[in-house]
Amino acid sequence: VGSETIDKIMIGINDKTKHIYKMQQWGTNGTLTTFLVKDFQVNPSLGAGYFKFSEANYPGYYIAR
């Protein structure tokens, strides 16, 4: 397993809405990683347990504590 250093990052922002729609990251080892935002909701209602982590959802993974 190698390590990578980030060389540069570009963030795409919509002129009208001021929302991020894309992020690209270039690594010093030549990799290019792109994240695209397909759906953006402003202040959505989320249930109280929305961000609750459950180990049961990740069988076979090592969970560091």
PDB file of N, CA and C in Angstrom:
ATOM      1  N   VAL A   1       0.856  -1.179   0.000  1.00  0.00           N
ATOM      2  CA  VAL A   1       0.000   0.000   0.000  1.00  0.00           C
ATOM      3  C   VAL A   1       0.890   1.226   0.000  1.00  0.00           C
ATOM      4  N   GLY A   2       0.713   2.068  -0.984  1.00  0.00           N
ATOM      5  CA  GLY A   2       1.504   3.282  -1.084  1.00  0.00           C
ATOM      6  C   GLY A   2       0.793   4.470  -0.472  1.00  0.00           C
ATOM      7  N   SER A   3       1.509   5.539  -0.378  1.00  0.00           N
ATOM      8  CA  SER A   3       0.893   6.760   0.132  1.00  0.00           C
ATOM      9  C   SER A   3       0.935   7.808  -0.970  1.00  0.00           C
ATOM     10  N   GLU A   4       0.049   8.734  -0.867  1.00  0.00           N
ATOM     11  CA  GLU A   4      -0.058   9.777  -1.876  1.00  0.00           C
ATOM     12  C   GLU A   4      -0.113  11.121  -1.188  1.00  0.00           C
ATOM     13  N   THR A   5       0.543  12.085  -1.784  1.00  0.00           N
ATOM     14  CA  THR A   5       0.464  13.458  -1.316  1.00  0.00           C
ATOM     15  C   THR A   5      -0.397  14.228  -2.297  1.00  0.00           C
ATOM     16  N   ILE A   6      -1.265  15.051  -1.786  1.00  0.00           N
ATOM     17  CA  ILE A   6      -2.129  15.857  -2.648  1.00  0.00           C
ATOM     18  C   ILE A   6      -1.315  17.013  -3.203  1.00  0.00           C
ATOM     19  N   ASP A   7      -1.338  17.155  -4.522  1.00  0.00           N
ATOM     20  CA  ASP A   7      -0.607  18.222  -5.201  1.00  0.00           C
ATOM     21  C   ASP A   7      -1.458  19.474  -5.313  1.00  0.00           C
ATOM     22  N   LYS A   8      -2.717  19.293  -5.754  1.00  0.00           N
ATOM     23  CA  LYS A   8      -3.611  20.448  -5.873  1.00  0.00           C
ATOM     24  C   LYS A   8      -5.054  19.979  -5.841  1.00  0.00           C
ATOM     25  N   ILE A   9      -5.948  20.907  -5.513  1.00  0.00           N
ATOM     26  CA  ILE A   9      -7.387  20.651  -5.442  1.00  0.00           C
ATOM     27  C   ILE A   9      -8.109  21.767  -6.181  1.00  0.00           C
ATOM     28  N   MET A  10      -9.143  21.391  -6.941  1.00  0.00           N
ATOM     29  CA  MET A  10      -9.982  22.375  -7.620  1.00  0.00           C
ATOM     30  C   MET A  10     -11.426  22.133  -7.182  1.00  0.00           C
ATOM     31  N   ILE A  11     -12.107  23.185  -6.793  1.00  0.00           N
ATOM     32  CA  ILE A  11     -13.502  23.077  -6.375  1.00  0.00           C
ATOM     33  C   ILE A  11     -14.356  23.872  -7.353  1.00  0.00           C
ATOM     34  N   GLY A  12     -15.393  23.204  -7.923  1.00  0.00           N
ATOM     35  CA  GLY A  12     -16.317  23.867  -8.843  1.00  0.00           C
ATOM     36  C   GLY A  12     -17.504  24.412  -8.075  1.00  0.00           C
ATOM     37  N   ILE A  13     -17.792  25.699  -8.257  1.00  0.00           N
ATOM     38  CA  ILE A  13     -18.906  26.349  -7.561  1.00  0.00           C
ATOM     39  C   ILE A  13     -19.828  26.975  -8.587  1.00  0.00           C
ATOM     40  N   ASN A  14     -21.130  26.723  -8.459  1.00  0.00           N
ATOM     41  CA  ASN A  14     -22.134  27.295  -9.343  1.00  0.00           C
ATOM     42  C   ASN A  14     -22.220  28.805  -9.091  1.00  0.00           C
ATOM     43  N   ASP A  15     -22.067  29.617 -10.148  1.00  0.00           N
ATOM     44  CA  ASP A  15     -22.093  31.083 -10.024  1.00  0.00           C
ATOM     45  C   ASP A  15     -23.397  31.604  -9.423  1.00  0.00           C
ATOM     46  N   LYS A  16     -24.511  31.022  -9.829  1.00  0.00           N
ATOM     47  CA  LYS A  16     -25.816  31.544  -9.412  1.00  0.00           C
ATOM     48  C   LYS A  16     -26.205  31.107  -8.004  1.00  0.00           C
ATOM     49  N   THR A  17     -26.031  29.814  -7.705  1.00  0.00           N
ATOM     50  CA  THR A  17     -26.481  29.291  -6.411  1.00  0.00           C
ATOM     51  C   THR A  17     -25.400  29.331  -5.335  1.00  0.00           C
ATOM     52  N   LYS A  18     -24.141  29.473  -5.754  1.00  0.00           N
ATOM     53  CA  LYS A  18     -22.979  29.451  -4.849  1.00  0.00           C
ATOM     54  C   LYS A  18     -22.800  28.089  -4.176  1.00  0.00           C
ATOM     55  N   HIS A  19     -23.329  27.016  -4.777  1.00  0.00           N
ATOM     56  CA  HIS A  19     -23.194  25.668  -4.246  1.00  0.00           C
ATOM     57  C   HIS A  19     -22.043  24.947  -4.932  1.00  0.00           C
ATOM     58  N   ILE A  20     -21.347  24.121  -4.174  1.00  0.00           N
ATOM     59  CA  ILE A  20     -20.277  23.294  -4.735  1.00  0.00           C
ATOM     60  C   ILE A  20     -20.916  22.187  -5.558  1.00  0.00           C
ATOM     61  N   TYR A  21     -20.427  21.975  -6.783  1.00  0.00           N
ATOM     62  CA  TYR A  21     -20.953  20.901  -7.621  1.00  0.00           C
ATOM     63  C   TYR A  21     -19.892  19.873  -7.998  1.00  0.00           C
ATOM     64  N   LYS A  22     -18.602  20.192  -7.792  1.00  0.00           N
ATOM     65  CA  LYS A  22     -17.537  19.259  -8.160  1.00  0.00           C
ATOM     66  C   LYS A  22     -16.271  19.593  -7.387  1.00  0.00           C
ATOM     67  N   MET A  23     -15.496  18.534  -7.079  1.00  0.00           N
ATOM     68  CA  MET A  23     -14.185  18.709  -6.481  1.00  0.00           C
ATOM     69  C   MET A  23     -13.241  17.723  -7.153  1.00  0.00           C
ATOM     70  N   GLN A  24     -12.094  18.229  -7.593  1.00  0.00           N
ATOM     71  CA  GLN A  24     -11.075  17.366  -8.185  1.00  0.00           C
ATOM     72  C   GLN A  24      -9.799  17.509  -7.379  1.00  0.00           C
ATOM     73  N   GLN A  25      -9.116  16.368  -7.224  1.00  0.00           N
ATOM     74  CA  GLN A  25      -7.889  16.328  -6.437  1.00  0.00           C
ATOM     75  C   GLN A  25      -6.819  15.607  -7.245  1.00  0.00           C
ATOM     76  N   TRP A  26      -5.676  16.244  -7.419  1.00  0.00           N
ATOM     77  CA  TRP A  26      -4.558  15.658  -8.129  1.00  0.00           C
ATOM     78  C   TRP A  26      -3.509  15.219  -7.121  1.00  0.00           C
ATOM     79  N   GLY A  27      -3.031  13.997  -7.268  1.00  0.00           N
ATOM     80  CA  GLY A  27      -1.993  13.473  -6.389  1.00  0.00           C
ATOM     81  C   GLY A  27      -0.634  13.582  -7.046  1.00  0.00           C
ATOM     82  N   THR A  28       0.396  13.607  -6.226  1.00  0.00           N
ATOM     83  CA  THR A  28       1.757  13.701  -6.755  1.00  0.00           C
ATOM     84  C   THR A  28       2.159  12.431  -7.487  1.00  0.00           C
ATOM     85  N   ASN A  29       1.395  11.333  -7.294  1.00  0.00           N
ATOM     86  CA  ASN A  29       1.709  10.091  -8.006  1.00  0.00           C
ATOM     87  C   ASN A  29       0.936   9.977  -9.324  1.00  0.00           C
ATOM     88  N   GLY A  30       0.283  11.066  -9.743  1.00  0.00           N
ATOM     89  CA  GLY A  30      -0.404  11.086 -11.031  1.00  0.00           C
ATOM     90  C   GLY A  30      -1.882  10.754 -10.977  1.00  0.00           C
ATOM     91  N   THR A  31      -2.412  10.436  -9.811  1.00  0.00           N
ATOM     92  CA  THR A  31      -3.838  10.105  -9.728  1.00  0.00           C
ATOM     93  C   THR A  31      -4.698  11.360  -9.780  1.00  0.00           C
ATOM     94  N   LEU A  32      -5.891  11.202 -10.324  1.00  0.00           N
ATOM     95  CA  LEU A  32      -6.892  12.265 -10.336  1.00  0.00           C
ATOM     96  C   LEU A  32      -8.162  11.675  -9.743  1.00  0.00           C
ATOM     97  N   THR A  33      -8.661  12.294  -8.680  1.00  0.00           N
ATOM     98  CA  THR A  33      -9.893  11.863  -8.033  1.00  0.00           C
ATOM     99  C   THR A  33     -10.927  12.956  -8.220  1.00  0.00           C
ATOM    100  N   THR A  34     -12.138  12.579  -8.672  1.00  0.00           N
ATOM    101  CA  THR A  34     -13.202  13.555  -8.905  1.00  0.00           C
ATOM    102  C   THR A  34     -14.435  13.173  -8.102  1.00  0.00           C
ATOM    103  N   PHE A  35     -14.994  14.141  -7.389  1.00  0.00           N
ATOM    104  CA  PHE A  35     -16.256  13.977  -6.676  1.00  0.00           C
ATOM    105  C   PHE A  35     -17.278  14.887  -7.344  1.00  0.00           C
ATOM    106  N   LEU A  36     -18.431  14.333  -7.725  1.00  0.00           N
ATOM    107  CA  LEU A  36     -19.495  15.122  -8.333  1.00  0.00           C
ATOM    108  C   LEU A  36     -20.703  15.143  -7.401  1.00  0.00           C
ATOM    109  N   VAL A  37     -21.299  16.317  -7.211  1.00  0.00           N
ATOM    110  CA  VAL A  37     -22.503  16.440  -6.404  1.00  0.00           C
ATOM    111  C   VAL A  37     -23.681  16.277  -7.348  1.00  0.00           C
ATOM    112  N   LYS A  38     -24.435  15.182  -7.187  1.00  0.00           N
ATOM    113  CA  LYS A  38     -25.573  14.905  -8.063  1.00  0.00           C
ATOM    114  C   LYS A  38     -26.856  15.540  -7.548  1.00  0.00           C
ATOM    115  N   ASP A  39     -26.959  15.690  -6.235  1.00  0.00           N
ATOM    116  CA  ASP A  39     -28.172  16.239  -5.639  1.00  0.00           C
ATOM    117  C   ASP A  39     -27.772  17.093  -4.449  1.00  0.00           C
ATOM    118  N   PHE A  40     -28.347  18.269  -4.359  1.00  0.00           N
ATOM    119  CA  PHE A  40     -28.034  19.178  -3.262  1.00  0.00           C
ATOM    120  C   PHE A  40     -29.335  19.685  -2.675  1.00  0.00           C
ATOM    121  N   GLN A  41     -29.515  19.500  -1.378  1.00  0.00           N
ATOM    122  CA  GLN A  41     -30.706  19.977  -0.696  1.00  0.00           C
ATOM    123  C   GLN A  41     -30.277  20.952   0.394  1.00  0.00           C
ATOM    124  N   VAL A  42     -30.934  22.090   0.449  1.00  0.00           N
ATOM    125  CA  VAL A  42     -30.623  23.094   1.459  1.00  0.00           C
ATOM    126  C   VAL A  42     -31.414  22.780   2.727  1.00  0.00           C
ATOM    127  N   ASN A  43     -30.724  22.644   3.845  1.00  0.00           N
ATOM    128  CA  ASN A  43     -31.327  22.414   5.159  1.00  0.00           C
ATOM    129  C   ASN A  43     -32.397  21.326   5.175  1.00  0.00           C
ATOM    130  N   PRO A  44     -32.069  20.105   4.754  1.00  0.00           N
ATOM    131  CA  PRO A  44     -33.072  19.039   4.794  1.00  0.00           C
ATOM    132  C   PRO A  44     -33.364  18.627   6.240  1.00  0.00           C
ATOM    133  N   SER A  45     -34.553  18.097   6.471  1.00  0.00           N
ATOM    134  CA  SER A  45     -34.914  17.579   7.791  1.00  0.00           C
ATOM    135  C   SER A  45     -34.314  16.182   7.930  1.00  0.00           C
ATOM    136  N   LEU A  46     -33.559  15.973   8.986  1.00  0.00           N
ATOM    137  CA  LEU A  46     -32.926  14.686   9.235  1.00  0.00           C
ATOM    138  C   LEU A  46     -33.385  14.170  10.596  1.00  0.00           C
ATOM    139  N   GLY A  47     -33.651  12.884  10.666  1.00  0.00           N
ATOM    140  CA  GLY A  47     -34.067  12.277  11.917  1.00  0.00           C
ATOM    141  C   GLY A  47     -32.980  12.343  12.970  1.00  0.00           C
ATOM    142  N   ALA A  48     -33.358  12.196  14.225  1.00  0.00           N
ATOM    143  CA  ALA A  48     -32.410  12.307  15.339  1.00  0.00           C
ATOM    144  C   ALA A  48     -31.280  11.276  15.240  1.00  0.00           C
ATOM    145  N   GLY A  49     -31.539  10.095  14.685  1.00  0.00           N
ATOM    146  CA  GLY A  49     -30.517   9.062  14.588  1.00  0.00           C
ATOM    147  C   GLY A  49     -29.813   9.007  13.251  1.00  0.00           C
ATOM    148  N   TYR A  50     -29.980  10.000  12.407  1.00  0.00           N
ATOM    149  CA  TYR A  50     -29.430   9.981  11.048  1.00  0.00           C
ATOM    150  C   TYR A  50     -27.921   9.746  11.025  1.00  0.00           C
ATOM    151  N   PHE A  51     -27.183  10.357  11.920  1.00  0.00           N
ATOM    152  CA  PHE A  51     -25.725  10.231  11.928  1.00  0.00           C
ATOM    153  C   PHE A  51     -25.220   9.229  12.966  1.00  0.00           C
ATOM    154  N   LYS A  52     -26.106   8.432  13.520  1.00  0.00           N
ATOM    155  CA  LYS A  52     -25.703   7.449  14.522  1.00  0.00           C
ATOM    156  C   LYS A  52     -24.986   6.284  13.831  1.00  0.00           C
ATOM    157  N   PHE A  53     -23.778   5.982  14.309  1.00  0.00           N
ATOM    158  CA  PHE A  53     -22.981   4.904  13.744  1.00  0.00           C
ATOM    159  C   PHE A  53     -23.383   3.582  14.371  1.00  0.00           C
ATOM    160  N   SER A  54     -23.547   2.561  13.550  1.00  0.00           N
ATOM    161  CA  SER A  54     -23.885   1.234  14.036  1.00  0.00           C
ATOM    162  C   SER A  54     -22.892   0.226  13.469  1.00  0.00           C
ATOM    163  N   GLU A  55     -22.116  -0.389  14.363  1.00  0.00           N
ATOM    164  CA  GLU A  55     -21.131  -1.392  13.925  1.00  0.00           C
ATOM    165  C   GLU A  55     -21.788  -2.542  13.173  1.00  0.00           C
ATOM    166  N   ALA A  56     -23.021  -2.859  13.511  1.00  0.00           N
ATOM    167  CA  ALA A  56     -23.734  -3.972  12.873  1.00  0.00           C
ATOM    168  C   ALA A  56     -23.877  -3.767  11.363  1.00  0.00           C
ATOM    169  N   ASN A  57     -23.817  -2.537  10.907  1.00  0.00           N
ATOM    170  CA  ASN A  57     -23.934  -2.240   9.473  1.00  0.00           C
ATOM    171  C   ASN A  57     -22.632  -2.499   8.710  1.00  0.00           C
ATOM    172  N   TYR A  58     -21.554  -2.826   9.428  1.00  0.00           N
ATOM    173  CA  TYR A  58     -20.249  -3.008   8.800  1.00  0.00           C
ATOM    174  C   TYR A  58     -19.582  -4.313   9.241  1.00  0.00           C
ATOM    175  N   PRO A  59     -20.219  -5.440   8.976  1.00  0.00           N
ATOM    176  CA  PRO A  59     -19.622  -6.719   9.371  1.00  0.00           C
ATOM    177  C   PRO A  59     -18.316  -6.967   8.603  1.00  0.00           C
ATOM    178  N   GLY A  60     -17.336  -7.510   9.313  1.00  0.00           N
ATOM    179  CA  GLY A  60     -16.063  -7.820   8.673  1.00  0.00           C
ATOM    180  C   GLY A  60     -15.074  -6.670   8.627  1.00  0.00           C
ATOM    181  N   TYR A  61     -15.482  -5.484   9.093  1.00  0.00           N
ATOM    182  CA  TYR A  61     -14.577  -4.330   9.133  1.00  0.00           C
ATOM    183  C   TYR A  61     -13.968  -4.197  10.519  1.00  0.00           C
ATOM    184  N   TYR A  62     -12.728  -3.730  10.578  1.00  0.00           N
ATOM    185  CA  TYR A  62     -12.099  -3.422  11.852  1.00  0.00           C
ATOM    186  C   TYR A  62     -12.486  -1.996  12.215  1.00  0.00           C
ATOM    187  N   ILE A  63     -13.078  -1.828  13.375  1.00  0.00           N
ATOM    188  CA  ILE A  63     -13.493  -0.504  13.840  1.00  0.00           C
ATOM    189  C   ILE A  63     -12.547  -0.093  14.966  1.00  0.00           C
ATOM    190  N   ALA A  64     -11.727   0.923  14.722  1.00  0.00           N
ATOM    191  CA  ALA A  64     -10.782   1.397  15.728  1.00  0.00           C
ATOM    192  C   ALA A  64     -11.525   2.250  16.753  1.00  0.00           C
ATOM    193  N   ARG A  65     -11.157   2.090  17.985  1.00  0.00           N
ATOM    194  CA  ARG A  65     -11.791   2.897  19.054  1.00  0.00           C
ATOM    195  C   ARG A  65     -10.739   3.659  19.809  1.00  0.00           C
TER     196      ARG A  65
END
